[in-house]
């Protein structure tokens, strides 16, 4: 199934973030993120993050992302609220939402009524099939969160 928008909500230690990707930008994004990997699977994490940070800047990947935000975990409700507003504004669009396993239950419980709509598909991050388009796109927010987390730790 092809969706109009893909939303990825992820969590990394004390950070939570999301990205929204439009269907029209997916093929171009996929070409540019071929080297992205899941952070937990890597042996040389810092080297990978430096490489990916440079790639993000060089390929101007942020320009292909419709909307993004990374914030402290204590701002989880504001992140969830922004997602809910976006979903409400796009009621006639098919929307795919992947959410971190740690946040899934609270997210679904908080917006149960809103997400009973037939145009929304919600999945836990660990249920994404490896190498699928959805999985590969989820690596973008994973990388962004880890870059920001490492940057904040080094301050």
Protein backbone atom coordinates (compact mmCIF):
# COMPACT_ATOMS: atom_id res chain seq x y z
CA UNK A 1 0.00 0.00 0.00
CA UNK A 2 1.26 3.47 -0.84
CA UNK A 3 0.63 6.27 1.63
CA UNK A 4 0.47 10.02 1.10
CA UNK A 5 2.51 10.75 4.22
CA UNK A 6 4.94 8.72 6.29
CA UNK A 7 5.44 9.75 9.92
CA UNK A 8 8.24 8.33 12.04
CA UNK A 9 8.37 8.95 15.78
CA UNK A 10 11.50 7.73 17.54
CA UNK A 11 13.14 7.95 20.91
CA UNK A 12 16.81 7.96 21.93
CA UNK A 13 17.68 8.17 25.63
CA UNK A 14 16.45 11.65 26.64
CA UNK A 15 15.34 12.76 23.15
CA UNK A 16 12.21 12.20 21.13
CA UNK A 17 11.68 13.30 17.56
CA UNK A 18 9.62 12.86 14.45
CA UNK A 19 9.82 13.35 10.73
CA UNK A 20 7.05 13.58 8.15
CA UNK A 21 7.83 12.56 4.59
CA UNK A 22 5.63 13.16 1.57
CA UNK A 23 5.06 10.34 -0.90
CA UNK A 24 6.54 12.41 -3.75
CA UNK A 25 9.93 12.69 -2.01
CA UNK A 26 10.42 9.03 -1.11
CA UNK A 27 12.28 7.81 -4.22
CA UNK A 28 14.71 10.71 -4.10
CA UNK A 29 15.27 10.19 -0.37
CA UNK A 30 15.84 6.45 -0.76
CA UNK A 31 18.60 7.10 -3.31
CA UNK A 32 20.37 9.39 -0.86
CA UNK A 33 20.13 7.21 2.26
CA UNK A 34 21.56 3.97 0.89
CA UNK A 35 24.33 3.99 3.50
CA UNK A 36 22.06 4.48 6.50
CA UNK A 37 22.08 1.70 9.09
CA UNK A 38 20.36 1.12 12.40
CA UNK A 39 22.56 2.66 15.08
CA UNK A 40 22.33 -0.27 17.51
CA UNK A 41 23.76 -2.67 14.92
CA UNK A 42 26.94 -0.67 14.30
CA UNK A 43 30.43 -1.36 15.62
CA UNK A 44 31.97 2.05 14.85
CA UNK A 45 29.18 4.33 15.98
CA UNK A 46 30.98 7.70 16.13
CA UNK A 47 32.58 7.25 12.71
CA UNK A 48 29.21 6.32 11.26
CA UNK A 49 27.53 9.39 12.75
CA UNK A 50 30.21 11.73 11.38
CA UNK A 51 29.81 10.16 7.94
CA UNK A 52 26.00 10.40 8.06
CA UNK A 53 26.04 13.97 9.37
CA UNK A 54 28.22 14.99 6.40
CA UNK A 55 25.93 13.11 4.02
CA UNK A 56 22.84 14.82 5.46
CA UNK A 57 24.42 18.23 4.85
CA UNK A 58 25.97 17.43 1.45
CA UNK A 59 22.79 15.87 0.01
CA UNK A 60 20.53 18.46 1.68
CA UNK A 61 18.29 15.70 2.99
CA UNK A 62 16.43 18.09 5.32
CA UNK A 63 14.96 19.78 2.25
CA UNK A 64 13.28 16.48 1.30
CA UNK A 65 11.63 16.10 4.70
CA UNK A 66 8.24 17.77 4.95
CA UNK A 67 8.52 18.45 8.69
CA UNK A 68 10.78 17.39 11.54
CA UNK A 69 11.37 18.09 15.19
CA UNK A 70 13.67 16.75 17.89
CA UNK A 71 13.07 17.66 21.50
CA UNK A 72 13.60 16.50 25.09
CA UNK A 73 11.50 13.57 26.26
CA UNK A 74 9.66 15.87 28.66
CA UNK A 75 8.19 17.51 25.53
CA UNK A 76 6.62 14.22 24.39
CA UNK A 77 3.09 15.61 24.66
CA UNK A 78 3.90 18.54 22.38
CA UNK A 79 5.39 16.12 19.82
CA UNK A 80 2.26 13.95 20.02
CA UNK A 81 0.09 17.07 19.74
CA UNK A 82 1.88 18.20 16.56
CA UNK A 83 1.36 14.76 15.03
CA UNK A 84 -2.34 14.81 15.98
CA UNK A 85 -2.76 18.28 14.42
CA UNK A 86 -1.10 17.10 11.23
CA UNK A 87 -3.32 14.02 11.05
CA UNK A 88 -6.43 16.15 11.64
CA UNK A 89 -5.45 18.56 8.85
CA UNK A 90 -4.89 15.65 6.45
CA UNK A 91 -8.02 13.56 7.09
CA UNK A 92 -8.37 12.74 3.41
CA UNK A 93 -4.81 11.43 3.06
CA UNK A 94 -3.49 7.95 3.71
CA UNK A 95 -1.02 8.21 6.60
CA UNK A 96 1.55 5.70 7.79
CA UNK A 97 2.83 6.15 11.35
CA UNK A 98 5.76 4.22 12.81
CA UNK A 99 6.34 4.82 16.49
CA UNK A 100 9.08 3.71 18.83
CA UNK A 101 8.11 0.67 20.89
CA UNK A 102 8.64 2.60 24.15
CA UNK A 103 6.17 5.33 23.14
CA UNK A 104 3.62 3.22 21.24
CA UNK A 105 1.19 2.41 24.06
CA UNK A 106 0.98 5.93 25.45
CA UNK A 107 0.66 7.40 21.95
CA UNK A 108 -2.18 5.08 20.95
CA UNK A 109 -3.93 5.44 24.31
CA UNK A 110 -3.73 9.24 24.17
CA UNK A 111 -5.14 9.49 20.64
CA UNK A 112 -7.35 6.40 20.49
CA UNK A 113 -10.37 8.26 19.06
CA UNK A 114 -8.36 10.17 16.49
CA UNK A 115 -6.58 7.09 15.19
CA UNK A 116 -9.63 4.89 14.68
CA UNK A 117 -9.86 6.40 11.24
CA UNK A 118 -9.46 4.11 8.24
CA UNK A 119 -6.91 6.40 6.56
CA UNK A 120 -4.25 5.84 9.27
CA UNK A 121 -1.95 2.86 9.69
CA UNK A 122 0.06 2.74 12.95
CA UNK A 123 2.87 0.25 13.54
CA UNK A 124 5.49 -0.33 16.21
CA UNK A 125 9.01 0.33 15.02
CA UNK A 126 10.14 -3.25 15.68
CA UNK A 127 7.39 -4.58 13.37
CA UNK A 128 8.88 -2.85 10.31
CA UNK A 129 10.28 -5.38 7.86
CA UNK A 130 14.03 -4.99 7.42
CA UNK A 131 15.03 -3.60 4.03
CA UNK A 132 11.47 -2.40 3.36
CA UNK A 133 10.94 1.18 2.23
CA UNK A 134 9.32 1.98 5.57
CA UNK A 135 12.24 0.53 7.52
CA UNK A 136 14.83 2.39 5.45
CA UNK A 137 12.98 5.68 5.93
CA UNK A 138 12.87 5.09 9.70
CA UNK A 139 16.68 5.16 9.70
CA UNK A 140 16.56 8.89 8.96
CA UNK A 141 15.02 9.85 12.31
CA UNK A 142 17.17 7.24 14.05
CA UNK A 143 20.29 8.89 12.63
CA UNK A 144 19.11 12.44 13.35
CA UNK A 145 18.37 11.58 16.98
CA UNK A 146 21.70 9.88 17.52
CA UNK A 147 23.63 12.76 15.93
CA UNK A 148 21.86 15.23 18.23
CA UNK A 149 22.30 13.00 21.30
CA UNK A 150 26.04 12.56 20.74
CA UNK A 151 26.41 16.30 20.06
CA UNK A 152 24.68 17.15 23.35
CA UNK A 153 26.74 14.59 25.29
CA UNK A 154 29.98 16.12 24.05
CA UNK A 155 29.10 19.59 25.37
